[in-house]
mmCIF file of all heavy atoms, coordinates in Angstrom:
data_MODEL
# 
_entry.id   MODEL 
# 
loop_
_atom_site.group_PDB 
_atom_site.id 
_atom_site.type_symbol 
_atom_site.label_atom_id 
_atom_site.label_alt_id 
_atom_site.label_comp_id 
_atom_site.label_asym_id 
_atom_site.label_entity_id 
_atom_site.label_seq_id 
_atom_site.pdbx_PDB_ins_code 
_atom_site.Cartn_x 
_atom_site.Cartn_y 
_atom_site.Cartn_z 
_atom_site.occupancy 
_atom_site.B_iso_or_equiv 
_atom_site.pdbx_formal_charge 
_atom_site.auth_seq_id 
_atom_site.auth_comp_id 
_atom_site.auth_asym_id 
_atom_site.auth_atom_id 
_atom_site.pdbx_PDB_model_num 
ATOM 1   N N   . ALA A 1 1  ? -61.371 28.443 -84.236 1.00 0.00 ? 1  ALA A N   1 
ATOM 2   C CA  . ALA A 1 1  ? -62.130 29.499 -84.807 1.00 0.00 ? 1  ALA A CA  1 
ATOM 3   C C   . ALA A 1 1  ? -63.634 29.202 -84.629 1.00 0.00 ? 1  ALA A C   1 
ATOM 4   O O   . ALA A 1 1  ? -64.567 30.074 -84.384 1.00 0.00 ? 1  ALA A O   1 
ATOM 5   C CB  . ALA A 1 1  ? -61.794 29.853 -86.202 1.00 0.00 ? 1  ALA A CB  1 
ATOM 6   N N   . ALA A 1 2  ? -63.951 27.879 -84.937 1.00 0.00 ? 2  ALA A N   1 
ATOM 7   C CA  . ALA A 1 2  ? -65.439 27.511 -84.824 1.00 0.00 ? 2  ALA A CA  1 
ATOM 8   C C   . ALA A 1 2  ? -65.881 27.596 -83.333 1.00 0.00 ? 2  ALA A C   1 
ATOM 9   O O   . ALA A 1 2  ? -67.029 28.019 -83.010 1.00 0.00 ? 2  ALA A O   1 
ATOM 10  C CB  . ALA A 1 2  ? -65.621 26.139 -85.330 1.00 0.00 ? 2  ALA A CB  1 
ATOM 11  N N   . LEU A 1 3  ? -64.947 27.085 -82.427 1.00 0.00 ? 3  LEU A N   1 
ATOM 12  C CA  . LEU A 1 3  ? -65.322 27.182 -81.000 1.00 0.00 ? 3  LEU A CA  1 
ATOM 13  C C   . LEU A 1 3  ? -65.473 28.653 -80.545 1.00 0.00 ? 3  LEU A C   1 
ATOM 14  O O   . LEU A 1 3  ? -66.436 28.937 -79.707 1.00 0.00 ? 3  LEU A O   1 
ATOM 15  C CB  . LEU A 1 3  ? -64.224 26.508 -80.188 1.00 0.00 ? 3  LEU A CB  1 
ATOM 16  C CG  . LEU A 1 3  ? -64.174 25.018 -80.286 1.00 0.00 ? 3  LEU A CG  1 
ATOM 17  C CD1 . LEU A 1 3  ? -63.020 24.516 -79.453 1.00 0.00 ? 3  LEU A CD1 1 
ATOM 18  C CD2 . LEU A 1 3  ? -65.491 24.333 -79.833 1.00 0.00 ? 3  LEU A CD2 1 
ATOM 19  N N   . CYS A 1 4  ? -64.672 29.546 -81.117 1.00 0.00 ? 4  CYS A N   1 
ATOM 20  C CA  . CYS A 1 4  ? -64.881 30.990 -80.782 1.00 0.00 ? 4  CYS A CA  1 
ATOM 21  C C   . CYS A 1 4  ? -66.204 31.511 -81.210 1.00 0.00 ? 4  CYS A C   1 
ATOM 22  O O   . CYS A 1 4  ? -66.872 32.237 -80.586 1.00 0.00 ? 4  CYS A O   1 
ATOM 23  C CB  . CYS A 1 4  ? -63.683 31.776 -81.388 1.00 0.00 ? 4  CYS A CB  1 
ATOM 24  S SG  . CYS A 1 4  ? -62.122 31.559 -80.584 1.00 0.00 ? 4  CYS A SG  1 
ATOM 25  N N   . GLY A 1 5  ? -66.597 31.117 -82.569 1.00 0.00 ? 5  GLY A N   1 
ATOM 26  C CA  . GLY A 1 5  ? -67.894 31.508 -83.119 1.00 0.00 ? 5  GLY A CA  1 
ATOM 27  C C   . GLY A 1 5  ? -69.025 30.998 -82.289 1.00 0.00 ? 5  GLY A C   1 
ATOM 28  O O   . GLY A 1 5  ? -70.037 31.787 -82.115 1.00 0.00 ? 5  GLY A O   1 
ATOM 29  N N   . ASN A 1 6  ? -68.898 29.893 -81.699 1.00 0.00 ? 6  ASN A N   1 
ATOM 30  C CA  . ASN A 1 6  ? -69.991 29.249 -80.867 1.00 0.00 ? 6  ASN A CA  1 
ATOM 31  C C   . ASN A 1 6  ? -69.998 29.833 -79.504 1.00 0.00 ? 6  ASN A C   1 
ATOM 32  O O   . ASN A 1 6  ? -71.054 29.889 -78.809 1.00 0.00 ? 6  ASN A O   1 
ATOM 33  C CB  . ASN A 1 6  ? -69.883 27.816 -80.828 1.00 0.00 ? 6  ASN A CB  1 
ATOM 34  C CG  . ASN A 1 6  ? -70.029 27.147 -82.198 1.00 0.00 ? 6  ASN A CG  1 
ATOM 35  O OD1 . ASN A 1 6  ? -70.759 27.710 -82.979 1.00 0.00 ? 6  ASN A OD1 1 
ATOM 36  N ND2 . ASN A 1 6  ? -69.418 25.959 -82.297 1.00 0.00 ? 6  ASN A ND2 1 
ATOM 37  N N   . THR A 1 7  ? -68.925 30.369 -79.075 1.00 0.00 ? 7  THR A N   1 
ATOM 38  C CA  . THR A 1 7  ? -68.784 30.800 -77.643 1.00 0.00 ? 7  THR A CA  1 
ATOM 39  C C   . THR A 1 7  ? -69.126 32.292 -77.459 1.00 0.00 ? 7  THR A C   1 
ATOM 40  O O   . THR A 1 7  ? -69.869 32.707 -76.633 1.00 0.00 ? 7  THR A O   1 
ATOM 41  C CB  . THR A 1 7  ? -67.386 30.575 -77.051 1.00 0.00 ? 7  THR A CB  1 
ATOM 42  O OG1 . THR A 1 7  ? -67.085 29.106 -77.130 1.00 0.00 ? 7  THR A OG1 1 
ATOM 43  C CG2 . THR A 1 7  ? -67.233 31.010 -75.625 1.00 0.00 ? 7  THR A CG2 1 
ATOM 44  N N   . PHE A 1 8  ? -68.548 33.052 -78.464 1.00 0.00 ? 8  PHE A N   1 
ATOM 45  C CA  . PHE A 1 8  ? -68.783 34.562 -78.220 1.00 0.00 ? 8  PHE A CA  1 
ATOM 46  C C   . PHE A 1 8  ? -70.096 34.979 -78.864 1.00 0.00 ? 8  PHE A C   1 
ATOM 47  O O   . PHE A 1 8  ? -70.649 34.272 -79.714 1.00 0.00 ? 8  PHE A O   1 
ATOM 48  C CB  . PHE A 1 8  ? -67.575 35.276 -78.852 1.00 0.00 ? 8  PHE A CB  1 
ATOM 49  C CG  . PHE A 1 8  ? -66.230 35.022 -78.187 1.00 0.00 ? 8  PHE A CG  1 
ATOM 50  C CD1 . PHE A 1 8  ? -65.248 34.361 -78.732 1.00 0.00 ? 8  PHE A CD1 1 
ATOM 51  C CD2 . PHE A 1 8  ? -66.092 35.559 -76.872 1.00 0.00 ? 8  PHE A CD2 1 
ATOM 52  C CE1 . PHE A 1 8  ? -64.074 34.168 -77.998 1.00 0.00 ? 8  PHE A CE1 1 
ATOM 53  C CE2 . PHE A 1 8  ? -64.964 35.419 -76.182 1.00 0.00 ? 8  PHE A CE2 1 
ATOM 54  C CZ  . PHE A 1 8  ? -63.964 34.629 -76.731 1.00 0.00 ? 8  PHE A CZ  1 
ATOM 55  N N   . ARG A 1 9  ? -70.438 36.168 -78.458 1.00 0.00 ? 9  ARG A N   1 
ATOM 56  C CA  . ARG A 1 9  ? -71.840 36.716 -78.898 1.00 0.00 ? 9  ARG A CA  1 
ATOM 57  C C   . ARG A 1 9  ? -71.665 37.318 -80.304 1.00 0.00 ? 9  ARG A C   1 
ATOM 58  O O   . ARG A 1 9  ? -70.522 37.513 -80.958 1.00 0.00 ? 9  ARG A O   1 
ATOM 59  C CB  . ARG A 1 9  ? -72.224 37.771 -77.911 1.00 0.00 ? 9  ARG A CB  1 
ATOM 60  C CG  . ARG A 1 9  ? -72.370 37.316 -76.482 1.00 0.00 ? 9  ARG A CG  1 
ATOM 61  C CD  . ARG A 1 9  ? -72.373 38.327 -75.446 1.00 0.00 ? 9  ARG A CD  1 
ATOM 62  N NE  . ARG A 1 9  ? -71.103 39.176 -75.619 1.00 0.00 ? 9  ARG A NE  1 
ATOM 63  C CZ  . ARG A 1 9  ? -70.768 40.114 -74.674 1.00 0.00 ? 9  ARG A CZ  1 
ATOM 64  N NH1 . ARG A 1 9  ? -71.646 40.432 -73.763 1.00 0.00 ? 9  ARG A NH1 1 
ATOM 65  N NH2 . ARG A 1 9  ? -69.576 40.775 -74.835 1.00 0.00 ? 9  ARG A NH2 1 
ATOM 66  N N   . HIS A 1 10 ? -72.842 37.653 -80.941 1.00 0.00 ? 10 HIS A N   1 
ATOM 67  C CA  . HIS A 1 10 ? -72.843 38.187 -82.290 1.00 0.00 ? 10 HIS A CA  1 
ATOM 68  C C   . HIS A 1 10 ? -72.181 39.475 -82.305 1.00 0.00 ? 10 HIS A C   1 
ATOM 69  O O   . HIS A 1 10 ? -71.549 39.882 -83.333 1.00 0.00 ? 10 HIS A O   1 
ATOM 70  C CB  . HIS A 1 10 ? -74.332 38.249 -82.745 1.00 0.00 ? 10 HIS A CB  1 
ATOM 71  C CG  . HIS A 1 10 ? -74.379 38.766 -84.118 1.00 0.00 ? 10 HIS A CG  1 
ATOM 72  N ND1 . HIS A 1 10 ? -74.065 38.043 -85.295 1.00 0.00 ? 10 HIS A ND1 1 
ATOM 73  C CD2 . HIS A 1 10 ? -74.906 40.046 -84.668 1.00 0.00 ? 10 HIS A CD2 1 
ATOM 74  C CE1 . HIS A 1 10 ? -74.265 38.777 -86.329 1.00 0.00 ? 10 HIS A CE1 1 
ATOM 75  N NE2 . HIS A 1 10 ? -74.707 39.922 -85.983 1.00 0.00 ? 10 HIS A NE2 1 
ATOM 76  N N   . ALA A 1 11 ? -72.265 40.294 -81.264 1.00 0.00 ? 11 ALA A N   1 
ATOM 77  C CA  . ALA A 1 11 ? -71.665 41.678 -81.308 1.00 0.00 ? 11 ALA A CA  1 
ATOM 78  C C   . ALA A 1 11 ? -70.150 41.698 -81.076 1.00 0.00 ? 11 ALA A C   1 
ATOM 79  O O   . ALA A 1 11 ? -69.502 42.659 -81.254 1.00 0.00 ? 11 ALA A O   1 
ATOM 80  C CB  . ALA A 1 11 ? -72.368 42.496 -80.315 1.00 0.00 ? 11 ALA A CB  1 
ATOM 81  N N   . ASP A 1 12 ? -69.663 40.501 -80.575 1.00 0.00 ? 12 ASP A N   1 
ATOM 82  C CA  . ASP A 1 12 ? -68.221 40.393 -80.347 1.00 0.00 ? 12 ASP A CA  1 
ATOM 83  C C   . ASP A 1 12 ? -67.456 40.317 -81.563 1.00 0.00 ? 12 ASP A C   1 
ATOM 84  O O   . ASP A 1 12 ? -67.943 39.640 -82.574 1.00 0.00 ? 12 ASP A O   1 
ATOM 85  C CB  . ASP A 1 12 ? -67.883 39.318 -79.339 1.00 0.00 ? 12 ASP A CB  1 
ATOM 86  C CG  . ASP A 1 12 ? -68.650 39.333 -78.077 1.00 0.00 ? 12 ASP A CG  1 
ATOM 87  O OD1 . ASP A 1 12 ? -68.853 40.517 -77.623 1.00 0.00 ? 12 ASP A OD1 1 
ATOM 88  O OD2 . ASP A 1 12 ? -68.933 38.306 -77.391 1.00 0.00 ? 12 ASP A OD2 1 
ATOM 89  N N   . ILE A 1 13 ? -66.266 40.832 -81.595 1.00 0.00 ? 13 ILE A N   1 
ATOM 90  C CA  . ILE A 1 13 ? -65.440 40.900 -82.920 1.00 0.00 ? 13 ILE A CA  1 
ATOM 91  C C   . ILE A 1 13 ? -64.222 40.016 -82.603 1.00 0.00 ? 13 ILE A C   1 
ATOM 92  O O   . ILE A 1 13 ? -63.438 40.294 -81.778 1.00 0.00 ? 13 ILE A O   1 
ATOM 93  C CB  . ILE A 1 13 ? -65.108 42.253 -83.185 1.00 0.00 ? 13 ILE A CB  1 
ATOM 94  C CG1 . ILE A 1 13 ? -66.320 43.188 -83.360 1.00 0.00 ? 13 ILE A CG1 1 
ATOM 95  C CG2 . ILE A 1 13 ? -64.230 42.336 -84.451 1.00 0.00 ? 13 ILE A CG2 1 
ATOM 96  C CD1 . ILE A 1 13 ? -66.171 44.645 -83.153 1.00 0.00 ? 13 ILE A CD1 1 
ATOM 97  N N   . ILE A 1 14 ? -64.072 38.960 -83.553 1.00 0.00 ? 14 ILE A N   1 
ATOM 98  C CA  . ILE A 1 14 ? -63.056 38.011 -83.370 1.00 0.00 ? 14 ILE A CA  1 
ATOM 99  C C   . ILE A 1 14 ? -62.048 38.194 -84.502 1.00 0.00 ? 14 ILE A C   1 
ATOM 100 O O   . ILE A 1 14 ? -62.492 38.322 -85.695 1.00 0.00 ? 14 ILE A O   1 
ATOM 101 C CB  . ILE A 1 14 ? -63.508 36.535 -83.348 1.00 0.00 ? 14 ILE A CB  1 
ATOM 102 C CG1 . ILE A 1 14 ? -64.647 36.480 -82.329 1.00 0.00 ? 14 ILE A CG1 1 
ATOM 103 C CG2 . ILE A 1 14 ? -62.441 35.559 -82.915 1.00 0.00 ? 14 ILE A CG2 1 
ATOM 104 C CD1 . ILE A 1 14 ? -65.433 35.181 -82.341 1.00 0.00 ? 14 ILE A CD1 1 
ATOM 105 N N   . GLY A 1 15 ? -60.724 38.203 -84.312 1.00 0.00 ? 15 GLY A N   1 
ATOM 106 C CA  . GLY A 1 15 ? -59.753 38.252 -85.374 1.00 0.00 ? 15 GLY A CA  1 
ATOM 107 C C   . GLY A 1 15 ? -58.572 37.365 -85.176 1.00 0.00 ? 15 GLY A C   1 
ATOM 108 O O   . GLY A 1 15 ? -58.230 36.978 -84.022 1.00 0.00 ? 15 GLY A O   1 
ATOM 109 N N   . ARG A 1 16 ? -57.970 36.911 -86.229 1.00 0.00 ? 16 ARG A N   1 
ATOM 110 C CA  . ARG A 1 16 ? -56.728 36.100 -86.114 1.00 0.00 ? 16 ARG A CA  1 
ATOM 111 C C   . ARG A 1 16 ? -55.567 37.240 -86.392 1.00 0.00 ? 16 ARG A C   1 
ATOM 112 O O   . ARG A 1 16 ? -55.323 37.688 -87.501 1.00 0.00 ? 16 ARG A O   1 
ATOM 113 C CB  . ARG A 1 16 ? -56.750 35.047 -87.156 1.00 0.00 ? 16 ARG A CB  1 
ATOM 114 C CG  . ARG A 1 16 ? -55.448 34.195 -87.132 1.00 0.00 ? 16 ARG A CG  1 
ATOM 115 C CD  . ARG A 1 16 ? -55.374 33.212 -88.262 1.00 0.00 ? 16 ARG A CD  1 
ATOM 116 N NE  . ARG A 1 16 ? -54.146 32.398 -88.252 1.00 0.00 ? 16 ARG A NE  1 
ATOM 117 C CZ  . ARG A 1 16 ? -53.682 31.625 -89.229 1.00 0.00 ? 16 ARG A CZ  1 
ATOM 118 N NH1 . ARG A 1 16 ? -54.485 31.501 -90.314 1.00 0.00 ? 16 ARG A NH1 1 
ATOM 119 N NH2 . ARG A 1 16 ? -52.602 30.909 -89.095 1.00 0.00 ? 16 ARG A NH2 1 
ATOM 120 N N   . VAL A 1 17 ? -54.759 37.502 -85.316 1.00 0.00 ? 17 VAL A N   1 
ATOM 121 C CA  . VAL A 1 17 ? -53.801 38.461 -85.371 1.00 0.00 ? 17 VAL A CA  1 
ATOM 122 C C   . VAL A 1 17 ? -52.364 37.996 -85.594 1.00 0.00 ? 17 VAL A C   1 
ATOM 123 O O   . VAL A 1 17 ? -51.407 38.858 -85.752 1.00 0.00 ? 17 VAL A O   1 
ATOM 124 C CB  . VAL A 1 17 ? -53.883 39.392 -84.171 1.00 0.00 ? 17 VAL A CB  1 
ATOM 125 C CG1 . VAL A 1 17 ? -55.139 40.105 -84.046 1.00 0.00 ? 17 VAL A CG1 1 
ATOM 126 C CG2 . VAL A 1 17 ? -53.586 38.594 -82.973 1.00 0.00 ? 17 VAL A CG2 1 
ATOM 127 N N   . GLY A 1 18 ? -52.244 36.632 -85.589 1.00 0.00 ? 18 GLY A N   1 
ATOM 128 C CA  . GLY A 1 18 ? -50.902 36.121 -85.773 1.00 0.00 ? 18 GLY A CA  1 
ATOM 129 C C   . GLY A 1 18 ? -51.074 34.635 -86.232 1.00 0.00 ? 18 GLY A C   1 
ATOM 130 O O   . GLY A 1 18 ? -52.209 34.225 -86.558 1.00 0.00 ? 18 GLY A O   1 
ATOM 131 N N   . GLY A 1 19 ? -49.949 33.890 -86.172 1.00 0.00 ? 19 GLY A N   1 
ATOM 132 C CA  . GLY A 1 19 ? -50.073 32.420 -86.609 1.00 0.00 ? 19 GLY A CA  1 
ATOM 133 C C   . GLY A 1 19 ? -51.094 31.684 -85.816 1.00 0.00 ? 19 GLY A C   1 
ATOM 134 O O   . GLY A 1 19 ? -52.026 31.058 -86.425 1.00 0.00 ? 19 GLY A O   1 
ATOM 135 N N   . GLU A 1 20 ? -50.894 31.547 -84.470 1.00 0.00 ? 20 GLU A N   1 
ATOM 136 C CA  . GLU A 1 20 ? -51.729 30.904 -83.642 1.00 0.00 ? 20 GLU A CA  1 
ATOM 137 C C   . GLU A 1 20 ? -52.318 31.775 -82.580 1.00 0.00 ? 20 GLU A C   1 
ATOM 138 O O   . GLU A 1 20 ? -52.903 31.297 -81.640 1.00 0.00 ? 20 GLU A O   1 
ATOM 139 C CB  . GLU A 1 20 ? -51.109 29.636 -82.994 1.00 0.00 ? 20 GLU A CB  1 
ATOM 140 C CG  . GLU A 1 20 ? -50.042 30.012 -82.102 1.00 0.00 ? 20 GLU A CG  1 
ATOM 141 C CD  . GLU A 1 20 ? -48.642 30.094 -82.699 1.00 0.00 ? 20 GLU A CD  1 
ATOM 142 O OE1 . GLU A 1 20 ? -48.634 30.293 -83.892 1.00 0.00 ? 20 GLU A OE1 1 
ATOM 143 O OE2 . GLU A 1 20 ? -47.607 30.132 -81.958 1.00 0.00 ? 20 GLU A OE2 1 
ATOM 144 N N   . GLU A 1 21 ? -52.228 33.179 -82.803 1.00 0.00 ? 21 GLU A N   1 
ATOM 145 C CA  . GLU A 1 21 ? -52.682 34.084 -81.949 1.00 0.00 ? 21 GLU A CA  1 
ATOM 146 C C   . GLU A 1 21 ? -53.964 34.832 -82.408 1.00 0.00 ? 21 GLU A C   1 
ATOM 147 O O   . GLU A 1 21 ? -54.072 35.182 -83.514 1.00 0.00 ? 21 GLU A O   1 
ATOM 148 C CB  . GLU A 1 21 ? -51.553 35.213 -81.763 1.00 0.00 ? 21 GLU A CB  1 
ATOM 149 C CG  . GLU A 1 21 ? -51.773 36.104 -80.539 1.00 0.00 ? 21 GLU A CG  1 
ATOM 150 C CD  . GLU A 1 21 ? -50.659 37.031 -80.352 1.00 0.00 ? 21 GLU A CD  1 
ATOM 151 O OE1 . GLU A 1 21 ? -49.674 37.077 -81.241 1.00 0.00 ? 21 GLU A OE1 1 
ATOM 152 O OE2 . GLU A 1 21 ? -50.580 37.719 -79.321 1.00 0.00 ? 21 GLU A OE2 1 
ATOM 153 N N   . PHE A 1 22 ? -54.960 34.957 -81.467 1.00 0.00 ? 22 PHE A N   1 
ATOM 154 C CA  . PHE A 1 22 ? -56.278 35.493 -81.805 1.00 0.00 ? 22 PHE A CA  1 
ATOM 155 C C   . PHE A 1 22 ? -56.546 36.610 -80.885 1.00 0.00 ? 22 PHE A C   1 
ATOM 156 O O   . PHE A 1 22 ? -56.069 36.627 -79.791 1.00 0.00 ? 22 PHE A O   1 
ATOM 157 C CB  . PHE A 1 22 ? -57.282 34.380 -81.742 1.00 0.00 ? 22 PHE A CB  1 
ATOM 158 C CG  . PHE A 1 22 ? -57.113 33.239 -82.667 1.00 0.00 ? 22 PHE A CG  1 
ATOM 159 C CD1 . PHE A 1 22 ? -56.236 32.151 -82.346 1.00 0.00 ? 22 PHE A CD1 1 
ATOM 160 C CD2 . PHE A 1 22 ? -57.860 33.316 -83.932 1.00 0.00 ? 22 PHE A CD2 1 
ATOM 161 C CE1 . PHE A 1 22 ? -56.010 31.141 -83.243 1.00 0.00 ? 22 PHE A CE1 1 
ATOM 162 C CE2 . PHE A 1 22 ? -57.602 32.159 -84.828 1.00 0.00 ? 22 PHE A CE2 1 
ATOM 163 C CZ  . PHE A 1 22 ? -56.704 31.143 -84.448 1.00 0.00 ? 22 PHE A CZ  1 
ATOM 164 N N   . GLY A 1 23 ? -57.559 37.536 -81.360 1.00 0.00 ? 23 GLY A N   1 
ATOM 165 C CA  . GLY A 1 23 ? -57.932 38.628 -80.483 1.00 0.00 ? 23 GLY A CA  1 
ATOM 166 C C   . GLY A 1 23 ? -59.390 38.736 -80.543 1.00 0.00 ? 23 GLY A C   1 
ATOM 167 O O   . GLY A 1 23 ? -60.016 38.457 -81.516 1.00 0.00 ? 23 GLY A O   1 
ATOM 168 N N   . VAL A 1 24 ? -60.042 39.236 -79.408 1.00 0.00 ? 24 VAL A N   1 
ATOM 169 C CA  . VAL A 1 24 ? -61.421 39.417 -79.360 1.00 0.00 ? 24 VAL A CA  1 
ATOM 170 C C   . VAL A 1 24 ? -61.750 40.797 -78.791 1.00 0.00 ? 24 VAL A C   1 
ATOM 171 O O   . VAL A 1 24 ? -61.225 41.097 -77.642 1.00 0.00 ? 24 VAL A O   1 
ATOM 172 C CB  . VAL A 1 24 ? -62.142 38.279 -78.560 1.00 0.00 ? 24 VAL A CB  1 
ATOM 173 C CG1 . VAL A 1 24 ? -63.697 38.494 -78.609 1.00 0.00 ? 24 VAL A CG1 1 
ATOM 174 C CG2 . VAL A 1 24 ? -61.772 36.863 -79.132 1.00 0.00 ? 24 VAL A CG2 1 
ATOM 175 N N   . LEU A 1 25 ? -62.615 41.566 -79.384 1.00 0.00 ? 25 LEU A N   1 
ATOM 176 C CA  . LEU A 1 25 ? -63.157 42.770 -78.870 1.00 0.00 ? 25 LEU A CA  1 
ATOM 177 C C   . LEU A 1 25 ? -64.511 42.562 -78.321 1.00 0.00 ? 25 LEU A C   1 
ATOM 178 O O   . LEU A 1 25 ? -65.338 41.901 -78.953 1.00 0.00 ? 25 LEU A O   1 
ATOM 179 C CB  . LEU A 1 25 ? -63.208 43.888 -79.935 1.00 0.00 ? 25 LEU A CB  1 
ATOM 180 C CG  . LEU A 1 25 ? -61.904 44.234 -80.607 1.00 0.00 ? 25 LEU A CG  1 
ATOM 181 C CD1 . LEU A 1 25 ? -62.118 45.218 -81.800 1.00 0.00 ? 25 LEU A CD1 1 
ATOM 182 C CD2 . LEU A 1 25 ? -61.002 44.928 -79.626 1.00 0.00 ? 25 LEU A CD2 1 
ATOM 183 N N   . LEU A 1 26 ? -64.691 42.924 -76.986 1.00 0.00 ? 26 LEU A N   1 
ATOM 184 C CA  . LEU A 1 26 ? -65.955 42.592 -76.305 1.00 0.00 ? 26 LEU A CA  1 
ATOM 185 C C   . LEU A 1 26 ? -66.633 43.910 -75.931 1.00 0.00 ? 26 LEU A C   1 
ATOM 186 O O   . LEU A 1 26 ? -66.457 44.407 -74.774 1.00 0.00 ? 26 LEU A O   1 
ATOM 187 C CB  . LEU A 1 26 ? -65.801 41.769 -75.021 1.00 0.00 ? 26 LEU A CB  1 
ATOM 188 C CG  . LEU A 1 26 ? -64.957 40.401 -75.369 1.00 0.00 ? 26 LEU A CG  1 
ATOM 189 C CD1 . LEU A 1 26 ? -64.389 39.792 -74.118 1.00 0.00 ? 26 LEU A CD1 1 
ATOM 190 C CD2 . LEU A 1 26 ? -65.955 39.461 -76.026 1.00 0.00 ? 26 LEU A CD2 1 
ATOM 191 N N   . PRO A 1 27 ? -67.540 44.492 -76.788 1.00 0.00 ? 27 PRO A N   1 
ATOM 192 C CA  . PRO A 1 27 ? -68.165 45.824 -76.413 1.00 0.00 ? 27 PRO A CA  1 
ATOM 193 C C   . PRO A 1 27 ? -69.161 45.606 -75.348 1.00 0.00 ? 27 PRO A C   1 
ATOM 194 O O   . PRO A 1 27 ? -69.681 44.442 -75.214 1.00 0.00 ? 27 PRO A O   1 
ATOM 195 C CB  . PRO A 1 27 ? -68.851 46.204 -77.696 1.00 0.00 ? 27 PRO A CB  1 
ATOM 196 C CG  . PRO A 1 27 ? -68.122 45.404 -78.803 1.00 0.00 ? 27 PRO A CG  1 
ATOM 197 C CD  . PRO A 1 27 ? -67.773 44.155 -78.201 1.00 0.00 ? 27 PRO A CD  1 
ATOM 198 N N   . PHE A 1 28 ? -69.340 46.568 -74.450 1.00 0.00 ? 28 PHE A N   1 
ATOM 199 C CA  . PHE A 1 28 ? -70.347 46.583 -73.406 1.00 0.00 ? 28 PHE A CA  1 
ATOM 200 C C   . PHE A 1 28 ? -70.086 45.365 -72.393 1.00 0.00 ? 28 PHE A C   1 
ATOM 201 O O   . PHE A 1 28 ? -70.958 44.795 -72.015 1.00 0.00 ? 28 PHE A O   1 
ATOM 202 C CB  . PHE A 1 28 ? -71.649 46.539 -73.920 1.00 0.00 ? 28 PHE A CB  1 
ATOM 203 C CG  . PHE A 1 28 ? -72.111 47.650 -74.917 1.00 0.00 ? 28 PHE A CG  1 
ATOM 204 C CD1 . PHE A 1 28 ? -72.022 47.468 -76.238 1.00 0.00 ? 28 PHE A CD1 1 
ATOM 205 C CD2 . PHE A 1 28 ? -72.511 48.935 -74.382 1.00 0.00 ? 28 PHE A CD2 1 
ATOM 206 C CE1 . PHE A 1 28 ? -72.365 48.540 -77.158 1.00 0.00 ? 28 PHE A CE1 1 
ATOM 207 C CE2 . PHE A 1 28 ? -72.820 49.919 -75.184 1.00 0.00 ? 28 PHE A CE2 1 
ATOM 208 C CZ  . PHE A 1 28 ? -72.712 49.749 -76.579 1.00 0.00 ? 28 PHE A CZ  1 
ATOM 209 N N   . THR A 1 29 ? -68.785 45.107 -72.217 1.00 0.00 ? 29 THR A N   1 
ATOM 210 C CA  . THR A 1 29 ? -68.469 43.903 -71.483 1.00 0.00 ? 29 THR A CA  1 
ATOM 211 C C   . THR A 1 29 ? -67.354 44.320 -70.314 1.00 0.00 ? 29 THR A C   1 
ATOM 212 O O   . THR A 1 29 ? -66.376 44.887 -70.638 1.00 0.00 ? 29 THR A O   1 
ATOM 213 C CB  . THR A 1 29 ? -67.920 42.728 -72.297 1.00 0.00 ? 29 THR A CB  1 
ATOM 214 O OG1 . THR A 1 29 ? -68.855 42.506 -73.423 1.00 0.00 ? 29 THR A OG1 1 
ATOM 215 C CG2 . THR A 1 29 ? -67.645 41.555 -71.497 1.00 0.00 ? 29 THR A CG2 1 
ATOM 216 N N   . THR A 1 30 ? -67.817 44.039 -69.154 1.00 0.00 ? 30 THR A N   1 
ATOM 217 C CA  . THR A 1 30 ? -66.836 44.289 -68.069 1.00 0.00 ? 30 THR A CA  1 
ATOM 218 C C   . THR A 1 30 ? -65.765 43.193 -68.044 1.00 0.00 ? 30 THR A C   1 
ATOM 219 O O   . THR A 1 30 ? -65.867 42.131 -68.726 1.00 0.00 ? 30 THR A O   1 
ATOM 220 C CB  . THR A 1 30 ? -67.552 44.263 -66.708 1.00 0.00 ? 30 THR A CB  1 
ATOM 221 O OG1 . THR A 1 30 ? -68.101 42.989 -66.459 1.00 0.00 ? 30 THR A OG1 1 
ATOM 222 C CG2 . THR A 1 30 ? -68.742 45.347 -66.710 1.00 0.00 ? 30 THR A CG2 1 
# 
């Protein structure tokens, strides 16, 4: 989770959707 916070942008939305499964929403991103 810390690596995700350091890697993704402030506008990106990170969530833990399962035990070891994570999702990221990347607005304005191709």
